C-alpha atoms as a PDB file:
ATOM      1  CA  UNK A   1     175.673  78.939 151.803  1.00  0.00           C
ATOM      2  CA  UNK A   2     174.957  76.740 148.746  1.00  0.00           C
ATOM      3  CA  UNK A   3     172.299  74.728 150.601  1.00  0.00           C
ATOM      4  CA  UNK A   4     170.835  77.979 151.892  1.00  0.00           C
ATOM      5  CA  UNK A   5     170.749  79.386 148.358  1.00  0.00           C
ATOM      6  CA  UNK A   6     168.865  76.342 146.968  1.00  0.00           C
ATOM      7  CA  UNK A   7     166.509  76.424 149.944  1.00  0.00           C
ATOM      8  CA  UNK A   8     165.760  80.091 149.244  1.00  0.00           C
ATOM      9  CA  UNK A   9     165.166  79.419 145.526  1.00  0.00           C
ATOM     10  CA  UNK A  10     162.725  76.597 146.307  1.00  0.00           C
ATOM     11  CA  UNK A  11     160.885  78.791 148.806  1.00  0.00           C
ATOM     12  CA  UNK A  12     160.547  81.602 146.277  1.00  0.00           C
ATOM     13  CA  UNK A  13     159.209  79.232 143.615  1.00  0.00           C
ATOM     14  CA  UNK A  14     156.060  77.183 143.591  1.00  0.00           C
ATOM     15  CA  UNK A  15     156.386  74.702 146.441  1.00  0.00           C
ATOM     16  CA  UNK A  16     154.355  72.048 144.594  1.00  0.00           C
ATOM     17  CA  UNK A  17     156.955  71.728 141.806  1.00  0.00           C
ATOM     18  CA  UNK A  18     158.721  68.411 141.322  1.00  0.00           C
ATOM     19  CA  UNK A  19     162.506  68.696 141.356  1.00  0.00           C
ATOM     20  CA  UNK A  20     164.535  65.776 140.175  1.00  0.00           C
ATOM     21  CA  UNK A  21     167.720  64.702 138.460  1.00  0.00           C
ATOM     22  CA  UNK A  22     166.894  63.860 134.854  1.00  0.00           C
ATOM     23  CA  UNK A  23     168.616  61.215 132.721  1.00  0.00           C
ATOM     24  CA  UNK A  24     171.933  62.343 131.247  1.00  0.00           C
ATOM     25  CA  UNK A  25     171.477  60.418 127.993  1.00  0.00           C
ATOM     26  CA  UNK A  26     168.180  62.098 127.040  1.00  0.00           C
ATOM     27  CA  UNK A  27     168.412  64.543 124.139  1.00  0.00           C
ATOM     28  CA  UNK A  28     167.109  67.993 125.025  1.00  0.00           C
ATOM     29  CA  UNK A  29     165.173  70.554 123.062  1.00  0.00           C
ATOM     30  CA  UNK A  30     167.569  73.495 123.415  1.00  0.00           C
ATOM     31  CA  UNK A  31     166.051  76.948 123.969  1.00  0.00           C
ATOM     32  CA  UNK A  32     168.161  79.934 122.941  1.00  0.00           C
ATOM     33  CA  UNK A  33     166.775  82.852 124.957  1.00  0.00           C
ATOM     34  CA  UNK A  34     168.517  85.441 122.772  1.00  0.00           C
ATOM     35  CA  UNK A  35     166.945  84.248 119.511  1.00  0.00           C
ATOM     36  CA  UNK A  36     163.869  82.656 121.179  1.00  0.00           C
ATOM     37  CA  UNK A  37     164.413  79.554 118.995  1.00  0.00           C
ATOM     38  CA  UNK A  38     163.882  75.950 120.074  1.00  0.00           C
ATOM     39  CA  UNK A  39     166.355  73.535 118.498  1.00  0.00           C
ATOM     40  CA  UNK A  40     164.734  70.150 117.940  1.00  0.00           C
ATOM     41  CA  UNK A  41     167.147  67.253 118.615  1.00  0.00           C
ATOM     42  CA  UNK A  42     168.173  65.199 115.577  1.00  0.00           C
ATOM     43  CA  UNK A  43     166.566  62.067 116.987  1.00  0.00           C
ATOM     44  CA  UNK A  44     163.161  63.781 117.278  1.00  0.00           C
ATOM     45  CA  UNK A  45     163.494  65.306 113.804  1.00  0.00           C
ATOM     46  CA  UNK A  46     164.129  61.842 112.372  1.00  0.00           C
ATOM     47  CA  UNK A  47     161.779  59.715 114.496  1.00  0.00           C
ATOM     48  CA  UNK A  48     159.080  62.195 115.508  1.00  0.00           C
ATOM     49  CA  UNK A  49     157.971  63.092 118.997  1.00  0.00           C
ATOM     50  CA  UNK A  50     155.243  60.479 119.469  1.00  0.00           C
ATOM     51  CA  UNK A  51     152.951  57.966 117.816  1.00  0.00           C
ATOM     52  CA  UNK A  52     149.253  58.592 117.360  1.00  0.00           C
ATOM     53  CA  UNK A  53     147.385  57.319 120.428  1.00  0.00           C
ATOM     54  CA  UNK A  54     150.295  57.611 122.881  1.00  0.00           C
ATOM     55  CA  UNK A  55     149.148  58.671 126.326  1.00  0.00           C
ATOM     56  CA  UNK A  56     151.895  59.991 128.611  1.00  0.00           C
ATOM     57  CA  UNK A  57     154.261  57.532 126.890  1.00  0.00           C
ATOM     58  CA  UNK A  58     156.890  60.186 126.184  1.00  0.00           C
ATOM     59  CA  UNK A  59     158.429  62.925 128.270  1.00  0.00           C
ATOM     60  CA  UNK A  60     160.540  65.370 126.301  1.00  0.00           C
ATOM     61  CA  UNK A  61     163.100  67.576 127.982  1.00  0.00           C
ATOM     62  CA  UNK A  62     163.913  71.208 127.323  1.00  0.00           C
ATOM     63  CA  UNK A  63     167.145  72.933 128.356  1.00  0.00           C
ATOM     64  CA  UNK A  64     167.572  76.681 128.750  1.00  0.00           C
ATOM     65  CA  UNK A  65     170.004  79.064 130.442  1.00  0.00           C
ATOM     66  CA  UNK A  66     168.630  79.442 133.940  1.00  0.00           C
ATOM     67  CA  UNK A  67     169.338  83.172 134.129  1.00  0.00           C
ATOM     68  CA  UNK A  68     168.238  85.639 131.457  1.00  0.00           C
ATOM     69  CA  UNK A  69     167.666  89.407 131.686  1.00  0.00           C
ATOM     70  CA  UNK A  70     168.393  89.334 135.447  1.00  0.00           C
ATOM     71  CA  UNK A  71     165.593  86.813 135.926  1.00  0.00           C
ATOM     72  CA  UNK A  72     165.956  83.336 137.407  1.00  0.00           C
ATOM     73  CA  UNK A  73     163.734  81.362 135.038  1.00  0.00           C
ATOM     74  CA  UNK A  74     163.401  78.683 137.707  1.00  0.00           C
ATOM     75  CA  UNK A  75     161.201  81.124 139.644  1.00  0.00           C
ATOM     76  CA  UNK A  76     158.760  81.493 136.751  1.00  0.00           C
ATOM     77  CA  UNK A  77     155.818  79.359 135.740  1.00  0.00           C
ATOM     78  CA  UNK A  78     156.644  77.370 132.623  1.00  0.00           C
ATOM     79  CA  UNK A  79     153.954  76.524 130.097  1.00  0.00           C
ATOM     80  CA  UNK A  80     154.295  74.559 126.877  1.00  0.00           C
ATOM     81  CA  UNK A  81     151.881  75.920 124.296  1.00  0.00           C
ATOM     82  CA  UNK A  82     150.922  73.411 121.615  1.00  0.00           C
ATOM     83  CA  UNK A  83     148.835  73.082 118.503  1.00  0.00           C
ATOM     84  CA  UNK A  84     148.001  69.515 117.493  1.00  0.00           C
ATOM     85  CA  UNK A  85     147.260  68.405 113.929  1.00  0.00           C
ATOM     86  CA  UNK A  86     143.653  68.856 112.741  1.00  0.00           C
ATOM     87  CA  UNK A  87     141.262  66.290 114.173  1.00  0.00           C
ATOM     88  CA  UNK A  88     138.766  64.145 112.218  1.00  0.00           C
ATOM     89  CA  UNK A  89     136.307  67.071 112.080  1.00  0.00           C
ATOM     90  CA  UNK A  90     139.001  69.346 110.622  1.00  0.00           C
ATOM     91  CA  UNK A  91     139.356  71.428 113.787  1.00  0.00           C
ATOM     92  CA  UNK A  92     142.707  72.522 115.171  1.00  0.00           C
ATOM     93  CA  UNK A  93     143.209  71.522 118.786  1.00  0.00           C
ATOM     94  CA  UNK A  94     145.301  73.923 120.896  1.00  0.00           C
ATOM     95  CA  UNK A  95     146.312  73.762 124.505  1.00  0.00           C
ATOM     96  CA  UNK A  96     148.699  74.771 127.241  1.00  0.00           C
ATOM     97  CA  UNK A  97     150.488  72.309 129.515  1.00  0.00           C
ATOM     98  CA  UNK A  98     152.604  72.962 132.600  1.00  0.00           C
ATOM     99  CA  UNK A  99     156.068  71.480 132.870  1.00  0.00           C
ATOM    100  CA  UNK A 100     156.185  68.033 134.431  1.00  0.00           C
ATOM    101  CA  UNK A 101     159.529  68.066 136.272  1.00  0.00           C
ATOM    102  CA  UNK A 102     162.424  70.499 136.746  1.00  0.00           C
ATOM    103  CA  UNK A 103     166.138  69.936 137.228  1.00  0.00           C
ATOM    104  CA  UNK A 104     168.518  72.658 138.345  1.00  0.00           C
ATOM    105  CA  UNK A 105     171.262  70.344 139.622  1.00  0.00           C
ATOM    106  CA  UNK A 106     172.489  68.334 136.606  1.00  0.00           C
ATOM    107  CA  UNK A 107     174.060  71.302 134.833  1.00  0.00           C
ATOM    108  CA  UNK A 108     174.849  74.420 136.869  1.00  0.00           C
ATOM    109  CA  UNK A 109     173.452  77.543 135.225  1.00  0.00           C
ATOM    110  CA  UNK A 110     170.931  75.515 133.213  1.00  0.00           C
ATOM    111  CA  UNK A 111     167.259  74.775 133.812  1.00  0.00           C
ATOM    112  CA  UNK A 112     166.071  71.463 132.407  1.00  0.00           C
ATOM    113  CA  UNK A 113     162.378  70.657 132.474  1.00  0.00           C
ATOM    114  CA  UNK A 114     160.248  67.827 131.188  1.00  0.00           C
ATOM    115  CA  UNK A 115     156.918  67.852 129.371  1.00  0.00           C
ATOM    116  CA  UNK A 116     154.687  64.773 129.422  1.00  0.00           C
ATOM    117  CA  UNK A 117     152.849  64.464 126.106  1.00  0.00           C
ATOM    118  CA  UNK A 118     149.166  63.735 126.727  1.00  0.00           C
ATOM    119  CA  UNK A 119     146.615  61.873 124.638  1.00  0.00           C
ATOM    120  CA  UNK A 120     144.972  65.182 123.699  1.00  0.00           C
ATOM    121  CA  UNK A 121     148.095  65.984 121.705  1.00  0.00           C
ATOM    122  CA  UNK A 122     148.478  62.596 120.006  1.00  0.00           C
ATOM    123  CA  UNK A 123     144.903  61.951 118.849  1.00  0.00           C
ATOM    124  CA  UNK A 124     145.798  62.787 115.253  1.00  0.00           C
ATOM    125  CA  UNK A 125     148.978  62.115 113.294  1.00  0.00           C
ATOM    126  CA  UNK A 126     150.756  65.045 111.650  1.00  0.00           C
ATOM    127  CA  UNK A 127     152.754  68.149 112.538  1.00  0.00           C
ATOM    128  CA  UNK A 128     152.700  69.257 116.176  1.00  0.00           C
ATOM    129  CA  UNK A 129     153.606  72.896 116.816  1.00  0.00           C
ATOM    130  CA  UNK A 130     155.126  73.826 120.171  1.00  0.00           C
ATOM    131  CA  UNK A 131     156.425  76.899 121.932  1.00  0.00           C
ATOM    132  CA  UNK A 132     157.412  77.586 125.538  1.00  0.00           C
ATOM    133  CA  UNK A 133     156.441  80.503 127.749  1.00  0.00           C
ATOM    134  CA  UNK A 134     158.092  81.537 131.006  1.00  0.00           C
ATOM    135  CA  UNK A 135     155.586  83.550 132.985  1.00  0.00           C
ATOM    136  CA  UNK A 136     155.642  85.414 136.274  1.00  0.00           C
ATOM    137  CA  UNK A 137     152.588  87.036 137.853  1.00  0.00           C
ATOM    138  CA  UNK A 138     152.523  90.157 140.019  1.00  0.00           C
ATOM    139  CA  UNK A 139     150.602  89.273 143.155  1.00  0.00           C
ATOM    140  CA  UNK A 140     150.384  92.181 145.529  1.00  0.00           C
ATOM    141  CA  UNK A 141     147.250  93.874 146.858  1.00  0.00           C
ATOM    142  CA  UNK A 142     147.637  97.040 144.771  1.00  0.00           C
ATOM    143  CA  UNK A 143     148.643  95.567 141.404  1.00  0.00           C
ATOM    144  CA  UNK A 144     147.902  92.358 139.598  1.00  0.00           C
ATOM    145  CA  UNK A 145     148.999  91.169 136.184  1.00  0.00           C
ATOM    146  CA  UNK A 146     152.023  89.964 134.301  1.00  0.00           C
ATOM    147  CA  UNK A 147     155.376  90.817 135.828  1.00  0.00           C
ATOM    148  CA  UNK A 148     157.491  88.909 133.305  1.00  0.00           C
ATOM    149  CA  UNK A 149     156.806  86.921 130.148  1.00  0.00           C
ATOM    150  CA  UNK A 150     159.326  85.300 127.796  1.00  0.00           C
ATOM    151  CA  UNK A 151     158.048  83.289 124.822  1.00  0.00           C
ATOM    152  CA  UNK A 152     159.889  81.156 122.300  1.00  0.00           C
ATOM    153  CA  UNK A 153     159.343  80.883 118.591  1.00  0.00           C
ATOM    154  CA  UNK A 154     157.244  77.975 117.339  1.00  0.00           C
ATOM    155  CA  UNK A 155     158.935  74.679 116.488  1.00  0.00           C
ATOM    156  CA  UNK A 156     157.404  71.740 114.675  1.00  0.00           C
ATOM    157  CA  UNK A 157     157.761  68.000 115.308  1.00  0.00           C
ATOM    158  CA  UNK A 158     155.858  65.019 113.909  1.00  0.00           C
ATOM    159  CA  UNK A 159     153.364  62.636 115.437  1.00  0.00           C
ATOM    160  CA  UNK A 160     153.508  59.402 113.449  1.00  0.00           C
ATOM    161  CA  UNK A 161     150.380  57.468 112.413  1.00  0.00           C
ATOM    162  CA  UNK A 162     149.270  54.284 114.127  1.00  0.00           C
ATOM    163  CA  UNK A 163     146.260  51.987 114.012  1.00  0.00           C
ATOM    164  CA  UNK A 164     145.008  54.041 116.982  1.00  0.00           C
ATOM    165  CA  UNK A 165     141.862  52.302 118.101  1.00  0.00           C
ATOM    166  CA  UNK A 166     140.491  52.233 121.627  1.00  0.00           C
ATOM    167  CA  UNK A 167     141.186  49.063 123.571  1.00  0.00           C
ATOM    168  CA  UNK A 168     138.134  47.282 124.941  1.00  0.00           C
ATOM    169  CA  UNK A 169     138.195  46.598 128.680  1.00  0.00           C
END
């Protein structure tokens, strides 16, 4: 029964996803699906999310109610949309990243997922804007397109400055 349920959920989702148990002491960015707001943990408000030049040095974790509007959000694709601070040329760098890991076991009824912050995001110090989108595609022969899309409001966190020079090999 319970094992069969989890087996069914994994089969319905993307088989290439990484499922894991995440650390219990890690502060989470809380997503309120009703208001669409992301609450930034106090530690990240105070200390920032990264330092300029970090490359996959930080994984931040988001927590959301697993079920919303009769949808199991674990069966959706999760994308973190981001807008980095302006680069040296004054251009805004935007991107979309998939979630890195998912956890549906630590807290029943919750979906916790991690996002690895890449060097593209940390090239410049300043305010980093983020939002999360849960997306499900319709993939049958007659119809194609979006079946479900839930987006959050934008939140802002800081990337702190560093000397940030390339290391010579």
